[in-house]
């Protein structure tokens, strides 16, 4: 375990003497640089083709309920649900404006693919620092991008692949510091972590692992007053300044304000997750043991299959060869699993992506160590494994992942073309409602036409299919105040609008609830408010 505790920020001999820094290596030739760079090119090129072929071209919420919201969030410069994701939103807003082709939804979806590709390219560095054969590193990083959940989130607008990119960058910086002992790498890792806080406050789950690393490596220089005077203000600025975006958009009354920051109290509520405080660690222990742990195991099998054995081997190899790396990544994985298992939300599995990414890193290390035992006799073994990993992942997951032909926006657009002005359309779920807002909020189209979209189902009791509809129908005067999280342009909906429901299945449910509906056009049904 001597690799776990090194008392200085430089390598030391057995006598405790510091080893002098090695002279700089001579500049490499162009050919040498190409030989070093080729493993990075493999995941870059392969994943660019695969993601480009399977990325979702339009809106749609099959993999995540928030996809369509993120499809237009950057365009309208709105704010998402807490913690508001200001860094992601600003990157989204920039990307959808500078990319010159495709729909706005396609551009926002494509941004997630860019983050995932970059994370897998960074993974090549991680594998190289962990002693993985370059060929296996290239194939393993490519296969990492084809883990089902990472592949899915790379095809739609979501914040998760940006979070994985930050995890990969922080880990790569720690490994670079381990191999070079250059303070710049540790500074970079800490500052990147600080910036990741501006994407999602759940990045605090990395803190225990970082503290363990600092305690083990004991970089005394990091705590010198001069060093702290530079790092602390810069880190605080990277972590907190992007949240000024939320203050700006709240003051500007952006078309979509799911997170509002008007002062220090509301700002603290945002970054502390006050809205969801009752759901954090809200799952009883007996339910975690009886329900969620078996679901977690089933999800792990779905992500890796028999490769879970390689993940276990890889972690064991790291414990023996790189114990500090095993401890840090293991702590990150454990913190993620404990937090997500206790999070009382229906789609908790979507937050497990950091766990699968770390298991994927262990898996590639395990495969490399197994192949290393064969390569002395069979030199083709690393090449064969490097090709097999992504090919198996690609062929087994392509059909489920492919979103290129999915376009539920067509029916929504058809309904908006025929619905008269001064109307409100009720949908079954939030995802469909966001598909209407995708067209209504940009340019204040909905405000000009006085056309609104709302969820008709009671959000507190999903069995009540018409709860929201009846609330609106019994509101004879004054604005109907939105009872759902997001607020559209304006404080509420005017009364006495033409009332419609969207979707033939939902129309049948509304009719069975005793409310009259008649077919209007396509998937649009006219609703007759009860007297």
Protein backbone atom coordinates (compact mmCIF):
# COMPACT_ATOMS: atom_id res chain seq x y z
CA UNK A 1 0.00 0.00 0.00
CA UNK A 2 3.00 2.32 -0.25
CA UNK A 3 1.47 3.78 -3.39
CA UNK A 4 -1.34 5.16 -1.26
CA UNK A 5 0.74 7.45 0.93
CA UNK A 6 3.48 9.64 -0.49
CA UNK A 7 4.52 12.43 1.90
CA UNK A 8 5.76 14.92 -0.62
CA UNK A 9 4.75 16.51 -3.85
CA UNK A 10 7.83 14.95 -5.50
CA UNK A 11 8.87 11.30 -5.83
CA UNK A 12 11.00 10.09 -2.90
CA UNK A 13 13.53 7.32 -2.45
CA UNK A 14 13.32 4.64 0.22
CA UNK A 15 15.49 6.88 2.43
CA UNK A 16 13.06 9.73 2.17
CA UNK A 17 15.28 11.79 -0.14
CA UNK A 18 13.62 13.82 -2.83
CA UNK A 19 14.32 12.78 -6.37
CA UNK A 20 15.43 15.60 -8.58
CA UNK A 21 13.21 16.46 -11.50
CA UNK A 22 14.13 14.63 -14.67
CA UNK A 23 15.47 16.67 -17.57
CA UNK A 24 12.97 17.55 -20.22
CA UNK A 25 12.57 14.96 -22.91
CA UNK A 26 13.76 15.94 -26.38
CA UNK A 27 11.15 17.22 -28.76
CA UNK A 28 9.40 14.39 -30.56
CA UNK A 29 9.35 14.08 -34.31
CA UNK A 30 6.13 14.52 -36.25
CA UNK A 31 5.89 10.75 -36.77
CA UNK A 32 6.31 10.13 -33.04
CA UNK A 33 3.56 12.64 -32.26
CA UNK A 34 1.25 10.90 -34.72
CA UNK A 35 1.96 7.52 -33.15
CA UNK A 36 1.09 8.95 -29.75
CA UNK A 37 -2.07 10.67 -31.02
CA UNK A 38 -3.64 7.81 -32.96
CA UNK A 39 -5.41 6.19 -29.94
CA UNK A 40 -7.24 9.49 -29.42
CA UNK A 41 -8.34 9.58 -33.04
CA UNK A 42 -10.09 6.21 -32.83
CA UNK A 43 -12.88 7.15 -30.37
CA UNK A 44 -13.07 10.61 -31.90
CA UNK A 45 -13.76 9.29 -35.40
CA UNK A 46 -15.79 6.18 -34.55
CA UNK A 47 -18.07 7.86 -32.02
CA UNK A 48 -18.53 10.89 -34.27
CA UNK A 49 -19.87 8.60 -36.98
CA UNK A 50 -22.00 6.47 -34.64
CA UNK A 51 -23.46 9.41 -32.70
CA UNK A 52 -23.95 11.40 -35.89
CA UNK A 53 -25.91 8.53 -37.40
CA UNK A 54 -28.09 7.81 -34.35
CA UNK A 55 -28.56 11.29 -32.81
CA UNK A 56 -32.14 12.47 -32.38
CA UNK A 57 -33.02 14.95 -35.13
CA UNK A 58 -36.04 16.46 -33.43
CA UNK A 59 -37.71 16.66 -30.04
CA UNK A 60 -38.79 13.64 -28.02
CA UNK A 61 -38.55 12.39 -24.47
CA UNK A 62 -37.97 8.66 -24.70
CA UNK A 63 -34.69 8.59 -22.73
CA UNK A 64 -35.32 11.60 -20.49
CA UNK A 65 -38.42 13.61 -19.55
CA UNK A 66 -36.50 16.88 -19.84
CA UNK A 67 -35.07 16.46 -23.35
CA UNK A 68 -37.47 18.76 -25.18
CA UNK A 69 -37.11 21.42 -22.49
CA UNK A 70 -33.35 21.43 -23.02
CA UNK A 71 -33.94 21.47 -26.77
CA UNK A 72 -35.26 25.04 -26.60
CA UNK A 73 -33.92 26.23 -23.23
CA UNK A 74 -30.75 27.74 -24.69
CA UNK A 75 -32.63 29.34 -27.56
CA UNK A 76 -35.02 31.25 -25.28
CA UNK A 77 -32.31 31.78 -22.61
CA UNK A 78 -34.53 30.34 -19.91
CA UNK A 79 -33.71 28.57 -16.66
CA UNK A 80 -34.18 24.87 -15.99
CA UNK A 81 -35.28 23.23 -12.75
CA UNK A 82 -32.88 23.67 -9.80
CA UNK A 83 -29.96 23.94 -9.73
CA UNK A 84 -30.69 25.72 -12.99
CA UNK A 85 -27.67 24.28 -14.85
CA UNK A 86 -26.34 27.73 -15.83
CA UNK A 87 -23.10 26.51 -17.43
CA UNK A 88 -24.86 23.93 -19.57
CA UNK A 89 -27.55 26.43 -20.57
CA UNK A 90 -25.01 29.03 -21.68
CA UNK A 91 -23.07 26.43 -23.67
CA UNK A 92 -26.35 25.25 -25.17
CA UNK A 93 -27.30 28.81 -26.11
CA UNK A 94 -23.94 29.35 -27.77
CA UNK A 95 -23.96 26.03 -29.62
CA UNK A 96 -27.45 26.33 -31.11
CA UNK A 97 -26.53 29.77 -32.42
CA UNK A 98 -23.19 28.96 -34.04
CA UNK A 99 -23.98 25.55 -35.60
CA UNK A 100 -25.40 26.41 -39.01
CA UNK A 101 -27.37 23.25 -39.87
CA UNK A 102 -30.29 21.24 -38.58
CA UNK A 103 -33.23 22.17 -36.38
CA UNK A 104 -32.70 23.83 -33.02
CA UNK A 105 -33.55 20.53 -31.34
CA UNK A 106 -30.99 18.69 -33.48
CA UNK A 107 -28.29 21.20 -32.54
CA UNK A 108 -29.09 20.96 -28.82
CA UNK A 109 -29.07 17.15 -29.04
CA UNK A 110 -25.78 17.22 -30.92
CA UNK A 111 -24.15 19.18 -28.09
CA UNK A 112 -24.59 16.18 -25.78
CA UNK A 113 -22.77 14.03 -28.36
CA UNK A 114 -19.88 16.50 -28.39
CA UNK A 115 -19.52 16.28 -24.61
CA UNK A 116 -19.64 12.46 -24.70
CA UNK A 117 -17.01 12.24 -27.44
CA UNK A 118 -14.69 14.58 -25.54
CA UNK A 119 -15.15 12.50 -22.38
CA UNK A 120 -14.15 9.34 -24.26
CA UNK A 121 -11.14 11.07 -25.81
CA UNK A 122 -10.05 12.13 -22.31
CA UNK A 123 -10.56 8.51 -21.25
CA UNK A 124 -7.68 7.53 -23.55
CA UNK A 125 -5.42 9.66 -21.37
CA UNK A 126 -6.85 8.00 -18.26
CA UNK A 127 -6.15 4.53 -19.65
CA UNK A 128 -2.67 5.50 -20.79
CA UNK A 129 -1.81 6.83 -17.32
CA UNK A 130 -3.09 3.57 -15.84
CA UNK A 131 -0.71 1.54 -18.01
CA UNK A 132 -3.28 0.23 -20.47
CA UNK A 133 -1.90 -0.91 -23.83
CA UNK A 134 -2.45 1.87 -26.42
CA UNK A 135 -4.48 -0.42 -28.68
CA UNK A 136 -6.74 -1.48 -25.80
CA UNK A 137 -6.98 2.15 -24.65
CA UNK A 138 -8.27 3.19 -28.08
CA UNK A 139 -10.79 0.37 -28.32
CA UNK A 140 -11.78 0.63 -24.68
CA UNK A 141 -12.44 4.36 -24.86
CA UNK A 142 -14.59 3.77 -27.94
CA UNK A 143 -16.54 1.03 -26.18
CA UNK A 144 -16.94 3.33 -23.18
CA UNK A 145 -18.92 5.69 -25.39
CA UNK A 146 -21.19 2.79 -26.36
CA UNK A 147 -22.26 1.88 -22.83
CA UNK A 148 -26.04 1.98 -23.33
CA UNK A 149 -26.85 4.82 -20.94
CA UNK A 150 -23.95 7.01 -22.08
CA UNK A 151 -24.87 6.33 -25.70
CA UNK A 152 -28.51 7.23 -25.04
CA UNK A 153 -27.68 10.50 -23.31
CA UNK A 154 -25.24 11.40 -26.08
CA UNK A 155 -28.16 11.50 -28.54
CA UNK A 156 -30.51 13.89 -26.72
CA UNK A 157 -30.33 17.27 -25.05
CA UNK A 158 -29.42 16.61 -21.41
CA UNK A 159 -26.86 17.70 -18.82
CA UNK A 160 -25.45 14.28 -18.02
CA UNK A 161 -22.70 13.95 -20.64
CA UNK A 162 -21.25 17.33 -19.62
CA UNK A 163 -21.10 15.99 -16.06
CA UNK A 164 -19.24 12.90 -17.27
CA UNK A 165 -16.79 15.08 -19.17
CA UNK A 166 -15.97 16.88 -15.91
CA UNK A 167 -15.47 13.56 -14.08
CA UNK A 168 -13.10 12.39 -16.81
CA UNK A 169 -11.15 15.65 -16.82
CA UNK A 170 -10.70 15.71 -13.04
CA UNK A 171 -9.55 12.08 -12.98
CA UNK A 172 -7.15 12.67 -15.89
CA UNK A 173 -5.62 15.66 -14.09
CA UNK A 174 -5.09 13.64 -10.89
CA UNK A 175 -3.40 10.85 -12.86
CA UNK A 176 -1.25 13.37 -14.72
CA UNK A 177 -0.16 14.86 -11.40
CA UNK A 178 0.64 11.38 -10.13
CA UNK A 179 2.91 10.68 -13.10
CA UNK A 180 4.61 14.07 -13.46
CA UNK A 181 4.30 15.71 -10.01
CA UNK A 182 3.80 19.02 -11.74
CA UNK A 183 1.63 21.31 -9.57
CA UNK A 184 -0.13 22.68 -12.66
CA UNK A 185 -1.98 19.39 -13.09
CA UNK A 186 -3.34 19.38 -9.55
CA UNK A 187 -4.32 23.04 -9.84
CA UNK A 188 -6.09 22.25 -13.11
CA UNK A 189 -7.97 19.33 -11.56
CA UNK A 190 -9.22 21.40 -8.65
CA UNK A 191 -10.27 24.31 -10.86
CA UNK A 192 -12.06 22.01 -13.30
CA UNK A 193 -13.92 20.53 -10.36
CA UNK A 194 -14.88 24.04 -9.24
CA UNK A 195 -16.22 24.83 -12.71
CA UNK A 196 -18.21 21.58 -12.74
CA UNK A 197 -20.18 22.90 -9.76
CA UNK A 198 -21.65 25.50 -12.15
CA UNK A 199 -23.09 22.69 -14.23
CA UNK A 200 -24.71 20.69 -11.42
CA UNK A 201 -24.33 20.88 -7.68
CA UNK A 202 -24.42 17.08 -7.55
CA UNK A 203 -20.71 17.29 -8.45
CA UNK A 204 -20.15 17.67 -4.70
CA UNK A 205 -20.19 13.86 -4.71
CA UNK A 206 -16.59 14.09 -5.98
CA UNK A 207 -15.42 15.92 -2.85
CA UNK A 208 -14.81 12.84 -0.65
CA UNK A 209 -12.57 11.29 -3.28
CA UNK A 210 -10.67 14.54 -3.82
CA UNK A 211 -10.14 14.96 -0.09
CA UNK A 212 -8.83 11.41 0.13
CA UNK A 213 -6.42 12.11 -2.73
CA UNK A 214 -5.12 15.30 -1.12
CA UNK A 215 -4.73 13.58 2.24
CA UNK A 216 -2.75 10.75 0.64
CA UNK A 217 -0.55 12.87 -1.58
CA UNK A 218 -0.16 15.68 0.96
CA UNK A 219 0.80 18.49 -1.46
CA UNK A 220 2.05 20.95 1.16
CA UNK A 221 2.59 23.64 -1.46
CA UNK A 222 -1.15 23.70 -2.12
CA UNK A 223 -1.83 25.17 1.33
CA UNK A 224 0.74 27.93 1.26
CA UNK A 225 -0.90 31.38 1.70
CA UNK A 226 0.27 32.57 -1.70
CA UNK A 227 -1.14 29.48 -3.42
CA UNK A 228 -4.44 29.67 -1.58
CA UNK A 229 -4.72 33.37 -2.39
CA UNK A 230 -4.75 32.43 -6.06
CA UNK A 231 -6.71 29.19 -6.06
CA UNK A 232 -9.55 30.02 -3.67
CA UNK A 233 -10.82 33.20 -5.40
CA UNK A 234 -10.41 31.68 -8.86
CA UNK A 235 -12.15 28.47 -7.83
CA UNK A 236 -15.00 30.38 -6.19
CA UNK A 237 -15.40 32.51 -9.32
CA UNK A 238 -15.53 29.46 -11.59
CA UNK A 239 -18.06 27.73 -9.34
CA UNK A 240 -20.38 30.65 -8.57
CA UNK A 241 -20.14 33.34 -11.25
CA UNK A 242 -22.05 31.29 -13.88
CA UNK A 243 -25.02 31.38 -11.50
CA UNK A 244 -25.27 35.10 -12.23
CA UNK A 245 -27.00 33.90 -15.39
CA UNK A 246 -29.97 32.86 -13.23
CA UNK A 247 -30.14 36.31 -11.64
CA UNK A 248 -29.99 37.98 -15.05
CA UNK A 249 -32.72 35.84 -16.62
CA UNK A 250 -34.96 36.19 -13.58
CA UNK A 251 -34.68 39.97 -13.76
CA UNK A 252 -35.27 39.87 -17.54
CA UNK A 253 -38.41 37.72 -17.09
CA UNK A 254 -37.26 35.07 -19.51
CA UNK A 255 -40.00 33.04 -21.27
CA UNK A 256 -39.14 29.95 -19.23
CA UNK A 257 -38.25 30.45 -15.56
CA UNK A 258 -38.26 27.20 -13.66
CA UNK A 259 -35.52 28.52 -11.38
CA UNK A 260 -35.76 32.08 -10.08
CA UNK A 261 -33.00 33.85 -8.15
CA UNK A 262 -33.95 37.18 -6.62
CA UNK A 263 -31.61 37.30 -3.61
CA UNK A 264 -29.28 35.38 -1.36
CA UNK A 265 -32.07 33.28 0.12
CA UNK A 266 -33.38 32.06 -3.23
CA UNK A 267 -29.80 31.56 -4.46
CA UNK A 268 -29.05 29.29 -1.50
CA UNK A 269 -32.27 27.39 -2.10
CA UNK A 270 -31.16 26.77 -5.67
CA UNK A 271 -27.65 25.49 -5.00
CA UNK A 272 -28.71 23.49 -1.93
CA UNK A 273 -31.54 21.75 -3.77
CA UNK A 274 -34.17 22.99 -1.32
CA UNK A 275 -37.00 22.10 -3.72
CA UNK A 276 -35.97 18.46 -3.58
CA UNK A 277 -34.77 18.29 0.02
CA UNK A 278 -37.67 16.04 0.98
CA UNK A 279 -36.71 13.58 -1.76
CA UNK A 280 -32.99 13.37 -0.99
CA UNK A 281 -32.36 10.29 1.16
CA UNK A 282 -36.12 9.87 1.18
CA UNK A 283 -36.22 6.18 0.26
CA UNK A 284 -36.60 3.90 3.31
CA UNK A 285 -33.78 1.44 3.92
CA UNK A 286 -36.04 -1.59 3.53
CA UNK A 287 -37.14 -0.33 0.10
CA UNK A 288 -33.53 0.24 -0.95
CA UNK A 289 -32.66 -3.32 0.03
CA UNK A 290 -35.76 -5.04 -1.33
CA UNK A 291 -36.38 -3.00 -4.49
CA UNK A 292 -33.66 -0.60 -5.52
CA UNK A 293 -30.58 -2.77 -5.03
CA UNK A 294 -32.03 -5.56 -7.23
CA UNK A 295 -32.97 -2.90 -9.79
CA UNK A 296 -29.43 -1.51 -9.60
CA UNK A 297 -28.00 -4.97 -10.22
CA UNK A 298 -30.35 -5.53 -13.16
CA UNK A 299 -29.39 -2.15 -14.59
CA UNK A 300 -25.70 -3.02 -14.23
CA UNK A 301 -26.28 -6.26 -16.14
CA UNK A 302 -28.07 -4.29 -18.85
CA UNK A 303 -25.19 -1.85 -19.16
CA UNK A 304 -22.29 -4.32 -19.13
CA UNK A 305 -23.54 -7.91 -19.27
CA UNK A 306 -20.73 -10.38 -18.58
CA UNK A 307 -18.24 -7.50 -18.77
CA UNK A 308 -19.16 -6.79 -15.12
CA UNK A 309 -16.64 -9.53 -14.34
CA UNK A 310 -13.96 -7.48 -16.08
CA UNK A 311 -15.02 -4.44 -14.01
CA UNK A 312 -14.44 -6.42 -10.82
CA UNK A 313 -11.08 -7.68 -12.08
CA UNK A 314 -10.06 -4.15 -13.04
CA UNK A 315 -10.91 -2.78 -9.61
CA UNK A 316 -8.96 -5.62 -7.98
CA UNK A 317 -5.95 -4.90 -10.20
CA UNK A 318 -6.09 -1.22 -9.31
CA UNK A 319 -6.27 -2.06 -5.59
CA UNK A 320 -3.06 -4.05 -5.96
CA UNK A 321 -1.22 -1.81 -8.42
CA UNK A 322 -2.66 1.70 -7.98
CA UNK A 323 -4.43 1.67 -4.59
CA UNK A 324 -5.01 5.40 -4.44
CA UNK A 325 -6.69 5.42 -7.86
CA UNK A 326 -8.84 2.48 -6.76
CA UNK A 327 -9.76 4.27 -3.55
CA UNK A 328 -10.64 7.58 -5.21
CA UNK A 329 -12.69 6.12 -8.05
CA UNK A 330 -14.28 3.62 -5.68
CA UNK A 331 -15.31 6.44 -3.34
CA UNK A 332 -16.79 8.38 -6.25
CA UNK A 333 -18.75 5.33 -7.37
CA UNK A 334 -19.96 4.56 -3.85
CA UNK A 335 -21.06 8.17 -3.18
CA UNK A 336 -23.00 8.22 -6.44
CA UNK A 337 -24.70 4.90 -5.73
CA UNK A 338 -25.63 5.80 -2.13
CA UNK A 339 -27.06 9.17 -3.13
CA UNK A 340 -29.03 7.88 -6.10
CA UNK A 341 -30.40 4.82 -4.31
CA UNK A 342 -31.83 7.07 -1.61
CA UNK A 343 -33.23 9.68 -3.99
CA UNK A 344 -37.02 9.41 -3.99
CA UNK A 345 -37.73 10.12 -7.66
CA UNK A 346 -39.20 7.87 -10.30
CA UNK A 347 -36.38 8.14 -12.85
CA UNK A 348 -33.51 7.68 -10.37
CA UNK A 349 -31.71 5.32 -12.78
CA UNK A 350 -30.94 8.24 -15.08
CA UNK A 351 -28.55 9.65 -12.46
CA UNK A 352 -26.34 6.55 -12.41
CA UNK A 353 -24.25 7.55 -15.42
CA UNK A 354 -21.14 8.49 -13.34
CA UNK A 355 -21.26 5.01 -11.77
CA UNK A 356 -21.39 3.29 -15.16
CA UNK A 357 -18.57 5.47 -16.47
CA UNK A 358 -16.31 4.55 -13.55
CA UNK A 359 -17.20 0.88 -13.87
CA UNK A 360 -16.35 1.16 -17.55
CA UNK A 361 -12.90 2.51 -16.66
CA UNK A 362 -12.35 -0.42 -14.31
CA UNK A 363 -13.59 -2.81 -16.97
CA UNK A 364 -11.09 -1.64 -19.59
CA UNK A 365 -8.28 -1.90 -17.03
CA UNK A 366 -9.40 -5.43 -16.16
CA UNK A 367 -9.55 -6.48 -19.80
CA UNK A 368 -6.12 -4.99 -20.43
CA UNK A 369 -4.57 -6.88 -17.53
CA UNK A 370 -6.16 -10.14 -18.71
CA UNK A 371 -5.03 -9.57 -22.28
CA UNK A 372 -1.56 -8.63 -21.03
CA UNK A 373 -1.08 -12.17 -19.83
CA UNK A 374 -1.75 -13.46 -23.32
CA UNK A 375 0.07 -10.87 -25.39
CA UNK A 376 3.51 -12.40 -24.76
CA UNK A 377 2.37 -15.54 -26.58
CA UNK A 378 -0.28 -14.01 -28.83
CA UNK A 379 0.58 -10.49 -29.89
CA UNK A 380 -2.68 -10.22 -31.75
CA UNK A 381 -4.67 -10.45 -28.49
CA UNK A 382 -4.71 -6.67 -27.71
CA UNK A 383 -5.75 -5.83 -31.26
CA UNK A 384 -8.48 -8.45 -31.27
CA UNK A 385 -9.86 -7.26 -27.95
CA UNK A 386 -9.67 -3.60 -29.00
CA UNK A 387 -11.80 -4.38 -32.05
CA UNK A 388 -14.17 -6.77 -30.26
CA UNK A 389 -15.16 -4.39 -27.46
CA UNK A 390 -16.71 -1.60 -29.57
CA UNK A 391 -18.05 -3.98 -32.23
CA UNK A 392 -19.99 -6.04 -29.67
CA UNK A 393 -21.27 -2.89 -27.96
CA UNK A 394 -22.27 -1.37 -31.29
CA UNK A 395 -24.12 -4.38 -32.66
CA UNK A 396 -25.93 -5.19 -29.41
CA UNK A 397 -27.06 -1.64 -28.65
CA UNK A 398 -27.61 0.04 -32.00
CA UNK A 399 -31.27 -0.85 -32.49
CA UNK A 400 -32.29 0.42 -29.05
CA UNK A 401 -30.17 3.57 -29.19
CA UNK A 402 -30.96 4.76 -32.71
CA UNK A 403 -33.09 7.92 -32.55
CA UNK A 404 -32.47 9.20 -36.08
CA UNK A 405 -35.97 8.44 -37.39
CA UNK A 406 -37.94 9.54 -34.30
CA UNK A 407 -39.95 12.74 -34.81
CA UNK A 408 -42.98 13.14 -32.52
CA UNK A 409 -42.85 16.87 -33.22
CA UNK A 410 -44.73 16.38 -36.51
CA UNK A 411 -48.08 15.74 -34.83
CA UNK A 412 -47.55 18.68 -32.49
CA UNK A 413 -46.72 21.01 -35.38
CA UNK A 414 -49.79 19.82 -37.27
CA UNK A 415 -51.97 20.63 -34.25
CA UNK A 416 -50.48 24.12 -33.91
CA UNK A 417 -51.16 24.83 -37.58
CA UNK A 418 -54.89 24.20 -37.25
CA UNK A 419 -55.65 25.33 -33.70
CA UNK A 420 -57.23 28.80 -33.67
CA UNK A 421 -55.77 31.71 -31.78
CA UNK A 422 -57.01 32.26 -28.21
CA UNK A 423 -56.76 28.57 -27.31
CA UNK A 424 -55.31 26.30 -24.64
CA UNK A 425 -54.17 22.74 -25.35
CA UNK A 426 -53.99 20.17 -22.56
CA UNK A 427 -51.54 17.28 -22.82
CA UNK A 428 -51.13 14.03 -20.93
CA UNK A 429 -47.55 14.62 -19.76
CA UNK A 430 -44.89 17.27 -19.35
CA UNK A 431 -42.85 15.97 -22.26
CA UNK A 432 -45.62 16.59 -24.80
CA UNK A 433 -46.38 19.97 -23.26
CA UNK A 434 -42.73 20.93 -23.82
CA UNK A 435 -43.06 19.95 -27.46
CA UNK A 436 -45.75 22.61 -27.80
CA UNK A 437 -43.61 25.13 -25.93
CA UNK A 438 -40.73 24.30 -28.26
CA UNK A 439 -42.74 26.16 -30.92
CA UNK A 440 -44.68 28.64 -28.75
CA UNK A 441 -42.00 30.15 -26.53
CA UNK A 442 -39.29 31.18 -29.03
CA UNK A 443 -40.08 34.60 -30.40
CA UNK A 444 -43.10 34.78 -28.04
CA UNK A 445 -45.20 33.06 -30.71
CA UNK A 446 -47.61 31.75 -28.10
CA UNK A 447 -48.06 35.18 -26.52
CA UNK A 448 -48.82 36.80 -29.88
CA UNK A 449 -51.34 34.11 -30.78
CA UNK A 450 -52.64 33.75 -27.21
CA UNK A 451 -52.13 29.99 -27.54
CA UNK A 452 -51.07 28.05 -24.43
CA UNK A 453 -50.13 24.49 -23.54
CA UNK A 454 -50.54 22.85 -20.13
CA UNK A 455 -50.58 19.38 -18.65
CA UNK A 456 -54.14 18.24 -18.00
CA UNK A 457 -53.35 15.45 -15.54
CA UNK A 458 -53.27 16.27 -11.85
CA UNK A 459 -49.51 16.24 -11.03
CA UNK A 460 -50.20 15.16 -7.44
CA UNK A 461 -52.48 12.27 -8.44
CA UNK A 462 -51.68 10.77 -11.83
CA UNK A 463 -54.89 8.73 -11.75
CA UNK A 464 -56.83 12.02 -11.96
CA UNK A 465 -56.60 12.52 -15.73
CA UNK A 466 -58.60 15.78 -15.85
CA UNK A 467 -57.61 17.55 -12.61
CA UNK A 468 -55.87 20.45 -14.31
CA UNK A 469 -58.54 20.72 -17.00
CA UNK A 470 -61.34 21.07 -14.45
CA UNK A 471 -59.36 23.68 -12.53
CA UNK A 472 -59.11 25.76 -15.68
CA UNK A 473 -62.75 25.22 -16.67
CA UNK A 474 -64.00 26.37 -13.25
CA UNK A 475 -61.93 29.54 -13.40
CA UNK A 476 -64.51 32.01 -14.82
CA UNK A 477 -62.48 35.22 -14.44
CA UNK A 478 -58.95 36.30 -13.80
CA UNK A 479 -55.76 34.52 -14.78
CA UNK A 480 -55.45 30.81 -14.13
CA UNK A 481 -52.23 30.50 -12.11
CA UNK A 482 -50.03 27.67 -13.29
CA UNK A 483 -49.90 24.94 -10.67
CA UNK A 484 -46.98 23.16 -12.30
CA UNK A 485 -43.28 23.92 -11.94
CA UNK A 486 -42.47 25.82 -15.10
CA UNK A 487 -43.99 29.20 -15.82
CA UNK A 488 -44.62 30.26 -19.41
CA UNK A 489 -44.49 33.87 -20.56
CA UNK A 490 -46.82 35.90 -18.38
CA UNK A 491 -48.08 35.21 -14.86
CA UNK A 492 -50.89 32.86 -15.92
CA UNK A 493 -53.41 31.79 -18.55
CA UNK A 494 -56.41 33.94 -19.55
CA UNK A 495 -59.87 32.45 -18.90
CA UNK A 496 -62.50 31.37 -21.43
CA UNK A 497 -60.11 30.19 -24.14
CA UNK A 498 -60.97 27.57 -26.75
CA UNK A 499 -60.07 24.34 -24.99
CA UNK A 500 -58.47 21.28 -26.58
CA UNK A 501 -56.74 18.06 -25.59
CA UNK A 502 -53.90 16.49 -27.57
CA UNK A 503 -53.54 12.80 -28.35
CA UNK A 504 -56.18 10.19 -29.18
CA UNK A 505 -55.28 8.00 -26.18
CA UNK A 506 -55.51 10.93 -23.81
CA UNK A 507 -58.79 12.05 -25.40
CA UNK A 508 -60.28 8.62 -24.61
CA UNK A 509 -59.16 8.93 -21.00
CA UNK A 510 -60.69 12.39 -20.75
CA UNK A 511 -63.95 11.09 -22.21
CA UNK A 512 -64.03 8.22 -19.70
CA UNK A 513 -63.61 10.82 -16.94
CA UNK A 514 -66.95 12.33 -17.97
CA UNK A 515 -65.71 15.34 -19.93
CA UNK A 516 -66.97 15.70 -23.48
CA UNK A 517 -64.46 15.75 -26.34
CA UNK A 518 -64.92 15.73 -30.11
CA UNK A 519 -62.34 15.12 -32.79
CA UNK A 520 -61.02 18.34 -34.33
CA UNK A 521 -58.02 17.49 -36.52
CA UNK A 522 -55.27 14.88 -36.43
CA UNK A 523 -54.34 14.34 -32.79
CA UNK A 524 -56.22 17.45 -31.66
CA UNK A 525 -59.61 17.10 -29.92
CA UNK A 526 -61.97 19.89 -28.91
CA UNK A 527 -62.96 19.77 -25.25
CA UNK A 528 -66.29 20.98 -23.88
CA UNK A 529 -65.82 22.40 -20.40
CA UNK A 530 -68.59 21.13 -18.08
CA UNK A 531 -70.96 23.79 -16.85
